[in-house]
Amino acid sequence: MRGRLLAVVVLVACSHPRPEPAPPPRPATSCEAAADGMVGLLVSGQSEKPPEDAVDKLRVLITTRCKEDRWTTEAQACLSKMKTADDANTCGTLLTEDQQAALVKAQEKPAP
C-alpha cells in the first residue's frame, strides 16, 4: 500500500509543469537618463561650462521630446550611456526621422 501511495505522489509531483523562470529585469531607462546622457556629452566637449539654467532648459526640452515622441527603451538606454560623438551617431539611428526632426525643431524655437 505504501508503495502505491509513493507512486501516486511521484506521479502527481511530476505532472505539474514547472513554472517558467521570471524574465530578466529590463534595464532601468528613462527619458531623464537619456537627457542626462545627451547633455553630459554636449557639456563635456565645451571648454567653458555653460550656464546652469541653459543646461537645465536643454535637459527639460530633451526629456519632453523623449516622452511626447515616445522614444524606445533601446534609444533611451543608448542615449543615457553616450560618451563619444560616435556613440551619439549610433544612438541617433535609434530615433526615427520624425523624432529627430521634432528634437531639432524644439531646439530652434526661441526661448519665451
PDB file of N, CA and C in Angstrom:
ATOM      1  N   MET A   1       0.834  -1.195   0.000  1.00  0.00           N
ATOM      2  CA  MET A   1       0.000   0.000   0.000  1.00  0.00           C
ATOM      3  C   MET A   1       0.868   1.244   0.000  1.00  0.00           C
ATOM      4  N   ARG A   2       1.905   1.210   0.817  1.00  0.00           N
ATOM      5  CA  ARG A   2       2.809   2.360   0.916  1.00  0.00           C
ATOM      6  C   ARG A   2       3.487   2.622  -0.427  1.00  0.00           C
ATOM      7  N   GLY A   3       3.807   1.560  -1.153  1.00  0.00           N
ATOM      8  CA  GLY A   3       4.438   1.697  -2.461  1.00  0.00           C
ATOM      9  C   GLY A   3       3.519   2.376  -3.461  1.00  0.00           C
ATOM     10  N   ARG A   4       2.251   2.048  -3.406  1.00  0.00           N
ATOM     11  CA  ARG A   4       1.272   2.668  -4.313  1.00  0.00           C
ATOM     12  C   ARG A   4       1.116   4.149  -3.992  1.00  0.00           C
ATOM     13  N   LEU A   5       1.090   4.470  -2.707  1.00  0.00           N
ATOM     14  CA  LEU A   5       0.959   5.860  -2.289  1.00  0.00           C
ATOM     15  C   LEU A   5       2.160   6.668  -2.763  1.00  0.00           C
ATOM     16  N   LEU A   6       3.340   6.098  -2.626  1.00  0.00           N
ATOM     17  CA  LEU A   6       4.561   6.768  -3.079  1.00  0.00           C
ATOM     18  C   LEU A   6       4.519   6.983  -4.586  1.00  0.00           C
ATOM     19  N   ALA A   7       4.046   5.969  -5.323  1.00  0.00           N
ATOM     20  CA  ALA A   7       3.944   6.081  -6.779  1.00  0.00           C
ATOM     21  C   ALA A   7       2.967   7.185  -7.177  1.00  0.00           C
ATOM     22  N   VAL A   8       1.857   7.294  -6.474  1.00  0.00           N
ATOM     23  CA  VAL A   8       0.867   8.327  -6.762  1.00  0.00           C
ATOM     24  C   VAL A   8       1.453   9.704  -6.468  1.00  0.00           C
ATOM     25  N   VAL A   9       2.158   9.849  -5.364  1.00  0.00           N
ATOM     26  CA  VAL A   9       2.773  11.128  -5.004  1.00  0.00           C
ATOM     27  C   VAL A   9       3.790  11.537  -6.057  1.00  0.00           C
ATOM     28  N   VAL A  10       4.606  10.603  -6.505  1.00  0.00           N
ATOM     29  CA  VAL A  10       5.617  10.894  -7.532  1.00  0.00           C
ATOM     30  C   VAL A  10       4.937  11.307  -8.827  1.00  0.00           C
ATOM     31  N   LEU A  11       3.893  10.599  -9.226  1.00  0.00           N
ATOM     32  CA  LEU A  11       3.177  10.945 -10.456  1.00  0.00           C
ATOM     33  C   LEU A  11       2.547  12.327 -10.372  1.00  0.00           C
ATOM     34  N   VAL A  12       1.949  12.631  -9.239  1.00  0.00           N
ATOM     35  CA  VAL A  12       1.325  13.940  -9.064  1.00  0.00           C
ATOM     36  C   VAL A  12       2.381  15.028  -9.089  1.00  0.00           C
ATOM     37  N   ALA A  13       3.485  14.794  -8.419  1.00  0.00           N
ATOM     38  CA  ALA A  13       4.552  15.794  -8.372  1.00  0.00           C
ATOM     39  C   ALA A  13       5.142  16.031  -9.759  1.00  0.00           C
ATOM     40  N   CYS A  14       5.251  14.969 -10.527  1.00  0.00           N
ATOM     41  CA  CYS A  14       5.841  15.103 -11.863  1.00  0.00           C
ATOM     42  C   CYS A  14       4.856  15.649 -12.884  1.00  0.00           C
ATOM     43  N   SER A  15       3.575  15.584 -12.599  1.00  0.00           N
ATOM     44  CA  SER A  15       2.593  16.001 -13.590  1.00  0.00           C
ATOM     45  C   SER A  15       2.415  17.509 -13.665  1.00  0.00           C
ATOM     46  N   HIS A  16       2.842  18.248 -12.657  1.00  0.00           N
ATOM     47  CA  HIS A  16       2.713  19.709 -12.684  1.00  0.00           C
ATOM     48  C   HIS A  16       3.878  20.320 -13.438  1.00  0.00           C
ATOM     49  N   PRO A  17       3.587  21.156 -14.413  1.00  0.00           N
ATOM     50  CA  PRO A  17       4.699  21.793 -15.126  1.00  0.00           C
ATOM     51  C   PRO A  17       5.436  22.755 -14.204  1.00  0.00           C
ATOM     52  N   ARG A  18       6.701  22.830 -14.426  1.00  0.00           N
ATOM     53  CA  ARG A  18       7.496  23.764 -13.633  1.00  0.00           C
ATOM     54  C   ARG A  18       7.161  25.184 -14.070  1.00  0.00           C
ATOM     55  N   PRO A  19       7.117  26.073 -13.117  1.00  0.00           N
ATOM     56  CA  PRO A  19       6.860  27.461 -13.516  1.00  0.00           C
ATOM     57  C   PRO A  19       8.054  27.991 -14.313  1.00  0.00           C
ATOM     58  N   GLU A  20       7.730  28.794 -15.308  1.00  0.00           N
ATOM     59  CA  GLU A  20       8.798  29.373 -16.116  1.00  0.00           C
ATOM     60  C   GLU A  20       9.536  30.411 -15.293  1.00  0.00           C
ATOM     61  N   PRO A  21      10.854  30.495 -15.496  1.00  0.00           N
ATOM     62  CA  PRO A  21      11.594  31.499 -14.730  1.00  0.00           C
ATOM     63  C   PRO A  21      11.146  32.903 -15.126  1.00  0.00           C
ATOM     64  N   ALA A  22      11.253  33.799 -14.192  1.00  0.00           N
ATOM     65  CA  ALA A  22      10.879  35.198 -14.454  1.00  0.00           C
ATOM     66  C   ALA A  22      11.813  35.762 -15.512  1.00  0.00           C
ATOM     67  N   PRO A  23      11.293  36.608 -16.396  1.00  0.00           N
ATOM     68  CA  PRO A  23      12.170  37.213 -17.400  1.00  0.00           C
ATOM     69  C   PRO A  23      13.185  38.109 -16.707  1.00  0.00           C
ATOM     70  N   PRO A  24      14.348  38.269 -17.324  1.00  0.00           N
ATOM     71  CA  PRO A  24      15.351  39.133 -16.700  1.00  0.00           C
ATOM     72  C   PRO A  24      14.828  40.560 -16.623  1.00  0.00           C
ATOM     73  N   PRO A  25      15.206  41.281 -15.591  1.00  0.00           N
ATOM     74  CA  PRO A  25      14.706  42.653 -15.482  1.00  0.00           C
ATOM     75  C   PRO A  25      15.194  43.495 -16.649  1.00  0.00           C
ATOM     76  N   ARG A  26      14.323  44.363 -17.099  1.00  0.00           N
ATOM     77  CA  ARG A  26      14.702  45.277 -18.181  1.00  0.00           C
ATOM     78  C   ARG A  26      15.636  46.329 -17.618  1.00  0.00           C
ATOM     79  N   PRO A  27      16.542  46.806 -18.437  1.00  0.00           N
ATOM     80  CA  PRO A  27      17.445  47.832 -17.928  1.00  0.00           C
ATOM     81  C   PRO A  27      16.663  49.082 -17.525  1.00  0.00           C
ATOM     82  N   ALA A  28      17.093  49.658 -16.446  1.00  0.00           N
ATOM     83  CA  ALA A  28      16.428  50.874 -15.971  1.00  0.00           C
ATOM     84  C   ALA A  28      16.768  52.011 -16.924  1.00  0.00           C
ATOM     85  N   THR A  29      15.775  52.504 -17.617  1.00  0.00           N
ATOM     86  CA  THR A  29      15.980  53.618 -18.528  1.00  0.00           C
ATOM     87  C   THR A  29      14.885  54.628 -18.287  1.00  0.00           C
ATOM     88  N   SER A  30      15.162  55.797 -18.717  1.00  0.00           N
ATOM     89  CA  SER A  30      14.153  56.833 -18.620  1.00  0.00           C
ATOM     90  C   SER A  30      14.535  57.956 -19.560  1.00  0.00           C
ATOM     91  N   CYS A  31      13.560  58.766 -19.844  1.00  0.00           N
ATOM     92  CA  CYS A  31      13.827  59.938 -20.663  1.00  0.00           C
ATOM     93  C   CYS A  31      14.773  60.886 -19.933  1.00  0.00           C
ATOM     94  N   GLU A  32      14.664  60.930 -18.608  1.00  0.00           N
ATOM     95  CA  GLU A  32      15.552  61.794 -17.833  1.00  0.00           C
ATOM     96  C   GLU A  32      16.998  61.329 -17.966  1.00  0.00           C
ATOM     97  N   ALA A  33      17.218  60.013 -17.922  1.00  0.00           N
ATOM     98  CA  ALA A  33      18.573  59.481 -18.071  1.00  0.00           C
ATOM     99  C   ALA A  33      19.110  59.741 -19.480  1.00  0.00           C
ATOM    100  N   ALA A  34      18.234  59.623 -20.482  1.00  0.00           N
ATOM    101  CA  ALA A  34      18.642  59.910 -21.859  1.00  0.00           C
ATOM    102  C   ALA A  34      19.051  61.374 -21.991  1.00  0.00           C
ATOM    103  N   ALA A  35      18.263  62.262 -21.391  1.00  0.00           N
ATOM    104  CA  ALA A  35      18.585  63.693 -21.434  1.00  0.00           C
ATOM    105  C   ALA A  35      19.903  63.968 -20.723  1.00  0.00           C
ATOM    106  N   ASP A  36      20.113  63.319 -19.582  1.00  0.00           N
ATOM    107  CA  ASP A  36      21.374  63.498 -18.856  1.00  0.00           C
ATOM    108  C   ASP A  36      22.566  63.061 -19.699  1.00  0.00           C
ATOM    109  N   GLY A  37      22.414  61.941 -20.406  1.00  0.00           N
ATOM    110  CA  GLY A  37      23.494  61.452 -21.259  1.00  0.00           C
ATOM    111  C   GLY A  37      23.790  62.392 -22.411  1.00  0.00           C
ATOM    112  N   MET A  38      22.736  62.893 -23.027  1.00  0.00           N
ATOM    113  CA  MET A  38      22.918  63.802 -24.161  1.00  0.00           C
ATOM    114  C   MET A  38      23.540  65.118 -23.717  1.00  0.00           C
ATOM    115  N   VAL A  39      23.016  65.677 -22.643  1.00  0.00           N
ATOM    116  CA  VAL A  39      23.532  66.952 -22.138  1.00  0.00           C
ATOM    117  C   VAL A  39      24.953  66.770 -21.619  1.00  0.00           C
ATOM    118  N   GLY A  40      25.206  65.665 -20.944  1.00  0.00           N
ATOM    119  CA  GLY A  40      26.550  65.396 -20.426  1.00  0.00           C
ATOM    120  C   GLY A  40      27.587  65.359 -21.525  1.00  0.00           C
ATOM    121  N   LEU A  41      27.261  64.704 -22.633  1.00  0.00           N
ATOM    122  CA  LEU A  41      28.196  64.649 -23.757  1.00  0.00           C
ATOM    123  C   LEU A  41      28.402  66.032 -24.353  1.00  0.00           C
ATOM    124  N   LEU A  42      27.327  66.777 -24.475  1.00  0.00           N
ATOM    125  CA  LEU A  42      27.410  68.130 -25.034  1.00  0.00           C
ATOM    126  C   LEU A  42      28.275  69.037 -24.162  1.00  0.00           C
ATOM    127  N   VAL A  43      28.062  69.003 -22.869  1.00  0.00           N
ATOM    128  CA  VAL A  43      28.778  69.875 -21.936  1.00  0.00           C
ATOM    129  C   VAL A  43      30.241  69.455 -21.815  1.00  0.00           C
ATOM    130  N   SER A  44      30.513  68.159 -21.884  1.00  0.00           N
ATOM    131  CA  SER A  44      31.887  67.682 -21.713  1.00  0.00           C
ATOM    132  C   SER A  44      32.811  68.174 -22.823  1.00  0.00           C
ATOM    133  N   GLY A  45      32.252  68.497 -23.977  1.00  0.00           N
ATOM    134  CA  GLY A  45      33.064  68.964 -25.091  1.00  0.00           C
ATOM    135  C   GLY A  45      33.313  70.463 -25.090  1.00  0.00           C
ATOM    136  N   GLN A  46      32.813  71.164 -24.088  1.00  0.00           N
ATOM    137  CA  GLN A  46      32.940  72.618 -24.038  1.00  0.00           C
ATOM    138  C   GLN A  46      34.093  73.015 -23.114  1.00  0.00           C
ATOM    139  N   SER A  47      34.865  73.985 -23.546  1.00  0.00           N
ATOM    140  CA  SER A  47      35.986  74.436 -22.722  1.00  0.00           C
ATOM    141  C   SER A  47      35.492  75.217 -21.505  1.00  0.00           C
ATOM    142  N   GLU A  48      34.393  75.918 -21.664  1.00  0.00           N
ATOM    143  CA  GLU A  48      33.810  76.679 -20.561  1.00  0.00           C
ATOM    144  C   GLU A  48      32.424  76.125 -20.267  1.00  0.00           C
ATOM    145  N   LYS A  49      32.138  75.885 -19.009  1.00  0.00           N
ATOM    146  CA  LYS A  49      30.848  75.318 -18.631  1.00  0.00           C
ATOM    147  C   LYS A  49      29.731  76.316 -18.925  1.00  0.00           C
ATOM    148  N   PRO A  50      28.684  75.869 -19.641  1.00  0.00           N
ATOM    149  CA  PRO A  50      27.556  76.769 -19.939  1.00  0.00           C
ATOM    150  C   PRO A  50      26.761  77.073 -18.666  1.00  0.00           C
ATOM    151  N   PRO A  51      25.971  78.151 -18.699  1.00  0.00           N
ATOM    152  CA  PRO A  51      25.157  78.486 -17.528  1.00  0.00           C
ATOM    153  C   PRO A  51      24.212  77.340 -17.162  1.00  0.00           C
ATOM    154  N   GLU A  52      24.058  77.123 -15.873  1.00  0.00           N
ATOM    155  CA  GLU A  52      23.243  76.006 -15.381  1.00  0.00           C
ATOM    156  C   GLU A  52      21.790  76.101 -15.854  1.00  0.00           C
ATOM    157  N   ASP A  53      21.238  77.318 -15.942  1.00  0.00           N
ATOM    158  CA  ASP A  53      19.844  77.432 -16.384  1.00  0.00           C
ATOM    159  C   ASP A  53      19.693  77.005 -17.844  1.00  0.00           C
ATOM    160  N   ALA A  54      20.693  77.267 -18.673  1.00  0.00           N
ATOM    161  CA  ALA A  54      20.647  76.839 -20.075  1.00  0.00           C
ATOM    162  C   ALA A  54      20.730  75.316 -20.163  1.00  0.00           C
ATOM    163  N   VAL A  55      21.567  74.738 -19.320  1.00  0.00           N
ATOM    164  CA  VAL A  55      21.713  73.277 -19.288  1.00  0.00           C
ATOM    165  C   VAL A  55      20.400  72.639 -18.825  1.00  0.00           C
ATOM    166  N   ASP A  56      19.791  73.219 -17.802  1.00  0.00           N
ATOM    167  CA  ASP A  56      18.517  72.695 -17.296  1.00  0.00           C
ATOM    168  C   ASP A  56      17.419  72.783 -18.351  1.00  0.00           C
ATOM    169  N   LYS A  57      17.352  73.903 -19.081  1.00  0.00           N
ATOM    170  CA  LYS A  57      16.329  74.060 -20.129  1.00  0.00           C
ATOM    171  C   LYS A  57      16.500  73.012 -21.220  1.00  0.00           C
ATOM    172  N   LEU A  58      17.764  72.745 -21.588  1.00  0.00           N
ATOM    173  CA  LEU A  58      18.034  71.743 -22.614  1.00  0.00           C
ATOM    174  C   LEU A  58      17.640  70.355 -22.110  1.00  0.00           C
ATOM    175  N   ARG A  59      17.951  70.080 -20.861  1.00  0.00           N
ATOM    176  CA  ARG A  59      17.591  68.789 -20.258  1.00  0.00           C
ATOM    177  C   ARG A  59      16.066  68.602 -20.273  1.00  0.00           C
ATOM    178  N   VAL A  60      15.329  69.636 -19.926  1.00  0.00           N
ATOM    179  CA  VAL A  60      13.857  69.573 -19.922  1.00  0.00           C
ATOM    180  C   VAL A  60      13.328  69.398 -21.348  1.00  0.00           C
ATOM    181  N   LEU A  61      13.901  70.115 -22.284  1.00  0.00           N
ATOM    182  CA  LEU A  61      13.490  70.025 -23.684  1.00  0.00           C
ATOM    183  C   LEU A  61      13.665  68.592 -24.197  1.00  0.00           C
ATOM    184  N   ILE A  62      14.821  67.992 -23.939  1.00  0.00           N
ATOM    185  CA  ILE A  62      15.088  66.623 -24.409  1.00  0.00           C
ATOM    186  C   ILE A  62      14.148  65.640 -23.731  1.00  0.00           C
ATOM    187  N   THR A  63      13.954  65.795 -22.430  1.00  0.00           N
ATOM    188  CA  THR A  63      13.062  64.903 -21.691  1.00  0.00           C
ATOM    189  C   THR A  63      11.638  64.984 -22.243  1.00  0.00           C
ATOM    190  N   THR A  64      11.190  66.193 -22.529  1.00  0.00           N
ATOM    191  CA  THR A  64       9.850  66.398 -23.075  1.00  0.00           C
ATOM    192  C   THR A  64       9.701  65.734 -24.436  1.00  0.00           C
ATOM    193  N   ARG A  65      10.661  65.957 -25.320  1.00  0.00           N
ATOM    194  CA  ARG A  65      10.584  65.349 -26.651  1.00  0.00           C
ATOM    195  C   ARG A  65      10.602  63.831 -26.538  1.00  0.00           C
ATOM    196  N   CYS A  66      11.427  63.305 -25.678  1.00  0.00           N
ATOM    197  CA  CYS A  66      11.522  61.856 -25.478  1.00  0.00           C
ATOM    198  C   CYS A  66      10.172  61.280 -25.067  1.00  0.00           C
ATOM    199  N   LYS A  67       9.539  61.908 -24.098  1.00  0.00           N
ATOM    200  CA  LYS A  67       8.258  61.402 -23.601  1.00  0.00           C
ATOM    201  C   LYS A  67       7.149  61.582 -24.624  1.00  0.00           C
ATOM    202  N   GLU A  68       7.050  62.772 -25.201  1.00  0.00           N
ATOM    203  CA  GLU A  68       5.958  63.048 -26.132  1.00  0.00           C
ATOM    204  C   GLU A  68       6.103  62.283 -27.445  1.00  0.00           C
ATOM    205  N   ASP A  69       7.343  62.067 -27.870  1.00  0.00           N
ATOM    206  CA  ASP A  69       7.583  61.367 -29.138  1.00  0.00           C
ATOM    207  C   ASP A  69       7.790  59.867 -28.944  1.00  0.00           C
ATOM    208  N   ARG A  70       7.692  59.426 -27.702  1.00  0.00           N
ATOM    209  CA  ARG A  70       7.771  58.003 -27.365  1.00  0.00           C
ATOM    210  C   ARG A  70       9.028  57.330 -27.886  1.00  0.00           C
ATOM    211  N   TRP A  71      10.173  57.844 -27.451  1.00  0.00           N
ATOM    212  CA  TRP A  71      11.437  57.213 -27.816  1.00  0.00           C
ATOM    213  C   TRP A  71      11.455  55.809 -27.230  1.00  0.00           C
ATOM    214  N   THR A  72      12.029  54.873 -27.961  1.00  0.00           N
ATOM    215  CA  THR A  72      12.064  53.488 -27.495  1.00  0.00           C
ATOM    216  C   THR A  72      12.970  53.346 -26.275  1.00  0.00           C
ATOM    217  N   THR A  73      12.739  52.277 -25.541  1.00  0.00           N
ATOM    218  CA  THR A  73      13.583  51.959 -24.386  1.00  0.00           C
ATOM    219  C   THR A  73      15.024  51.772 -24.838  1.00  0.00           C
ATOM    220  N   GLU A  74      15.202  51.158 -25.998  1.00  0.00           N
ATOM    221  CA  GLU A  74      16.543  50.937 -26.549  1.00  0.00           C
ATOM    222  C   GLU A  74      17.239  52.274 -26.811  1.00  0.00           C
ATOM    223  N   ALA A  75      16.537  53.219 -27.406  1.00  0.00           N
ATOM    224  CA  ALA A  75      17.119  54.536 -27.676  1.00  0.00           C
ATOM    225  C   ALA A  75      17.453  55.252 -26.367  1.00  0.00           C
ATOM    226  N   GLN A  76      16.545  55.184 -25.408  1.00  0.00           N
ATOM    227  CA  GLN A  76      16.784  55.830 -24.112  1.00  0.00           C
ATOM    228  C   GLN A  76      18.033  55.258 -23.442  1.00  0.00           C
ATOM    229  N   ALA A  77      18.155  53.945 -23.468  1.00  0.00           N
ATOM    230  CA  ALA A  77      19.312  53.297 -22.834  1.00  0.00           C
ATOM    231  C   ALA A  77      20.604  53.711 -23.529  1.00  0.00           C
ATOM    232  N   CYS A  78      20.594  53.720 -24.839  1.00  0.00           N
ATOM    233  CA  CYS A  78      21.779  54.098 -25.607  1.00  0.00           C
ATOM    234  C   CYS A  78      22.174  55.543 -25.314  1.00  0.00           C
ATOM    235  N   LEU A  79      21.208  56.435 -25.387  1.00  0.00           N
ATOM    236  CA  LEU A  79      21.471  57.857 -25.172  1.00  0.00           C
ATOM    237  C   LEU A  79      21.953  58.136 -23.749  1.00  0.00           C
ATOM    238  N   SER A  80      21.484  57.381 -22.798  1.00  0.00           N
ATOM    239  CA  SER A  80      21.880  57.621 -21.409  1.00  0.00           C
ATOM    240  C   SER A  80      23.331  57.233 -21.156  1.00  0.00           C
ATOM    241  N   LYS A  81      23.901  56.408 -22.019  1.00  0.00           N
ATOM    242  CA  LYS A  81      25.272  55.912 -21.818  1.00  0.00           C
ATOM    243  C   LYS A  81      26.295  56.535 -22.758  1.00  0.00           C
ATOM    244  N   MET A  82      25.890  57.538 -23.526  1.00  0.00           N
ATOM    245  CA  MET A  82      26.797  58.135 -24.518  1.00  0.00           C
ATOM    246  C   MET A  82      28.038  58.737 -23.865  1.00  0.00           C
ATOM    247  N   LYS A  83      29.190  58.492 -24.510  1.00  0.00           N
ATOM    248  CA  LYS A  83      30.450  59.071 -24.041  1.00  0.00           C
ATOM    249  C   LYS A  83      31.212  59.779 -25.164  1.00  0.00           C
ATOM    250  N   THR A  84      30.927  59.415 -26.413  1.00  0.00           N
ATOM    251  CA  THR A  84      31.665  59.961 -27.550  1.00  0.00           C
ATOM    252  C   THR A  84      30.710  60.378 -28.668  1.00  0.00           C
ATOM    253  N   ALA A  85      31.267  61.103 -29.638  1.00  0.00           N
ATOM    254  CA  ALA A  85      30.473  61.501 -30.806  1.00  0.00           C
ATOM    255  C   ALA A  85      30.038  60.271 -31.595  1.00  0.00           C
ATOM    256  N   ASP A  86      30.881  59.242 -31.634  1.00  0.00           N
ATOM    257  CA  ASP A  86      30.494  58.006 -32.317  1.00  0.00           C
ATOM    258  C   ASP A  86      29.289  57.367 -31.633  1.00  0.00           C
ATOM    259  N   ASP A  87      29.278  57.412 -30.298  1.00  0.00           N
ATOM    260  CA  ASP A  87      28.121  56.906 -29.555  1.00  0.00           C
ATOM    261  C   ASP A  87      26.866  57.677 -29.953  1.00  0.00           C
ATOM    262  N   ALA A  88      26.999  58.989 -30.063  1.00  0.00           N
ATOM    263  CA  ALA A  88      25.856  59.841 -30.419  1.00  0.00           C
ATOM    264  C   ALA A  88      25.333  59.470 -31.805  1.00  0.00           C
ATOM    265  N   ASN A  89      26.244  59.232 -32.741  1.00  0.00           N
ATOM    266  CA  ASN A  89      25.828  58.843 -34.090  1.00  0.00           C
ATOM    267  C   ASN A  89      25.092  57.510 -34.076  1.00  0.00           C
ATOM    268  N   THR A  90      25.609  56.567 -33.312  1.00  0.00           N
ATOM    269  CA  THR A  90      24.970  55.249 -33.212  1.00  0.00           C
ATOM    270  C   THR A  90      23.595  55.370 -32.574  1.00  0.00           C
ATOM    271  N   CYS A  91      23.517  56.087 -31.462  1.00  0.00           N
ATOM    272  CA  CYS A  91      22.240  56.235 -30.758  1.00  0.00           C
ATOM    273  C   CYS A  91      21.230  57.008 -31.607  1.00  0.00           C
ATOM    274  N   GLY A  92      21.702  57.951 -32.373  1.00  0.00           N
ATOM    275  CA  GLY A  92      20.818  58.741 -33.220  1.00  0.00           C
ATOM    276  C   GLY A  92      20.063  57.898 -34.225  1.00  0.00           C
ATOM    277  N   THR A  93      20.656  56.778 -34.630  1.00  0.00           N
ATOM    278  CA  THR A  93      19.983  55.902 -35.587  1.00  0.00           C
ATOM    279  C   THR A  93      18.793  55.175 -34.956  1.00  0.00           C
ATOM    280  N   LEU A  94      18.709  55.214 -33.630  1.00  0.00           N
ATOM    281  CA  LEU A  94      17.593  54.549 -32.931  1.00  0.00           C
ATOM    282  C   LEU A  94      16.358  55.439 -32.834  1.00  0.00           C
ATOM    283  N   LEU A  95      16.501  56.691 -33.238  1.00  0.00           N
ATOM    284  CA  LEU A  95      15.359  57.607 -33.297  1.00  0.00           C
ATOM    285  C   LEU A  95      14.862  57.665 -34.735  1.00  0.00           C
ATOM    286  N   THR A  96      13.558  57.762 -34.890  1.00  0.00           N
ATOM    287  CA  THR A  96      13.000  57.879 -36.235  1.00  0.00           C
ATOM    288  C   THR A  96      13.324  59.270 -36.784  1.00  0.00           C
ATOM    289  N   GLU A  97      13.128  59.435 -38.073  1.00  0.00           N
ATOM    290  CA  GLU A  97      13.354  60.748 -38.682  1.00  0.00           C
ATOM    291  C   GLU A  97      12.434  61.796 -38.066  1.00  0.00           C
ATOM    292  N   ASP A  98      11.196  61.415 -37.808  1.00  0.00           N
ATOM    293  CA  ASP A  98      10.246  62.349 -37.193  1.00  0.00           C
ATOM    294  C   ASP A  98      10.692  62.739 -35.776  1.00  0.00           C
ATOM    295  N   GLN A  99      11.189  61.778 -35.016  1.00  0.00           N
ATOM    296  CA  GLN A  99      11.663  62.068 -33.661  1.00  0.00           C
ATOM    297  C   GLN A  99      12.870  63.003 -33.703  1.00  0.00           C
ATOM    298  N   GLN A 100      13.781  62.746 -34.626  1.00  0.00           N
ATOM    299  CA  GLN A 100      14.958  63.612 -34.761  1.00  0.00           C
ATOM    300  C   GLN A 100      14.541  65.017 -35.178  1.00  0.00           C
ATOM    301  N   ALA A 101      13.629  65.103 -36.133  1.00  0.00           N
ATOM    302  CA  ALA A 101      13.171  66.412 -36.618  1.00  0.00           C
ATOM    303  C   ALA A 101      12.475  67.196 -35.510  1.00  0.00           C
ATOM    304  N   ALA A 102      11.676  66.525 -34.708  1.00  0.00           N
ATOM    305  CA  ALA A 102      10.978  67.201 -33.608  1.00  0.00           C
ATOM    306  C   ALA A 102      11.973  67.743 -32.583  1.00  0.00           C
ATOM    307  N   LEU A 103      13.034  67.000 -32.327  1.00  0.00           N
ATOM    308  CA  LEU A 103      14.056  67.454 -31.383  1.00  0.00           C
ATOM    309  C   LEU A 103      14.785  68.678 -31.928  1.00  0.00           C
ATOM    310  N   VAL A 104      15.155  68.631 -33.185  1.00  0.00           N
ATOM    311  CA  VAL A 104      15.843  69.773 -33.809  1.00  0.00           C
ATOM    312  C   VAL A 104      14.928  70.997 -33.817  1.00  0.00           C
ATOM    313  N   LYS A 105      13.675  70.817 -34.203  1.00  0.00           N
ATOM    314  CA  LYS A 105      12.725  71.922 -34.265  1.00  0.00           C
ATOM    315  C   LYS A 105      12.528  72.549 -32.881  1.00  0.00           C
ATOM    316  N   ALA A 106      12.440  71.709 -31.861  1.00  0.00           N
ATOM    317  CA  ALA A 106      12.254  72.228 -30.492  1.00  0.00           C
ATOM    318  C   ALA A 106      13.470  73.037 -30.038  1.00  0.00           C
ATOM    319  N   GLN A 107      14.648  72.634 -30.463  1.00  0.00           N
ATOM    320  CA  GLN A 107      15.869  73.352 -30.090  1.00  0.00           C
ATOM    321  C   GLN A 107      15.979  74.690 -30.814  1.00  0.00           C
ATOM    322  N   GLU A 108      15.361  74.786 -31.975  1.00  0.00           N
ATOM    323  CA  GLU A 108      15.445  76.007 -32.770  1.00  0.00           C
ATOM    324  C   GLU A 108      14.454  77.075 -32.308  1.00  0.00           C
ATOM    325  N   LYS A 109      13.434  76.671 -31.568  1.00  0.00           N
ATOM    326  CA  LYS A 109      12.433  77.645 -31.086  1.00  0.00           C
ATOM    327  C   LYS A 109      13.086  78.619 -30.126  1.00  0.00           C
ATOM    328  N   PRO A 110      12.778  79.922 -30.288  1.00  0.00           N
ATOM    329  CA  PRO A 110      13.321  80.891 -29.343  1.00  0.00           C
ATOM    330  C   PRO A 110      12.703  80.697 -27.953  1.00  0.00           C
ATOM    331  N   ALA A 111      13.494  80.940 -26.945  1.00  0.00           N
ATOM    332  CA  ALA A 111      13.005  80.798 -25.565  1.00  0.00           C
ATOM    333  C   ALA A 111      11.966  81.885 -25.289  1.00  0.00           C
ATOM    334  N   PRO A 112      10.896  81.547 -24.542  1.00  0.00           N
ATOM    335  CA  PRO A 112       9.842  82.538 -24.256  1.00  0.00           C
ATOM    336  C   PRO A 112      10.327  83.608 -23.327  1.00  0.00           C
TER     337      PRO A 112
END
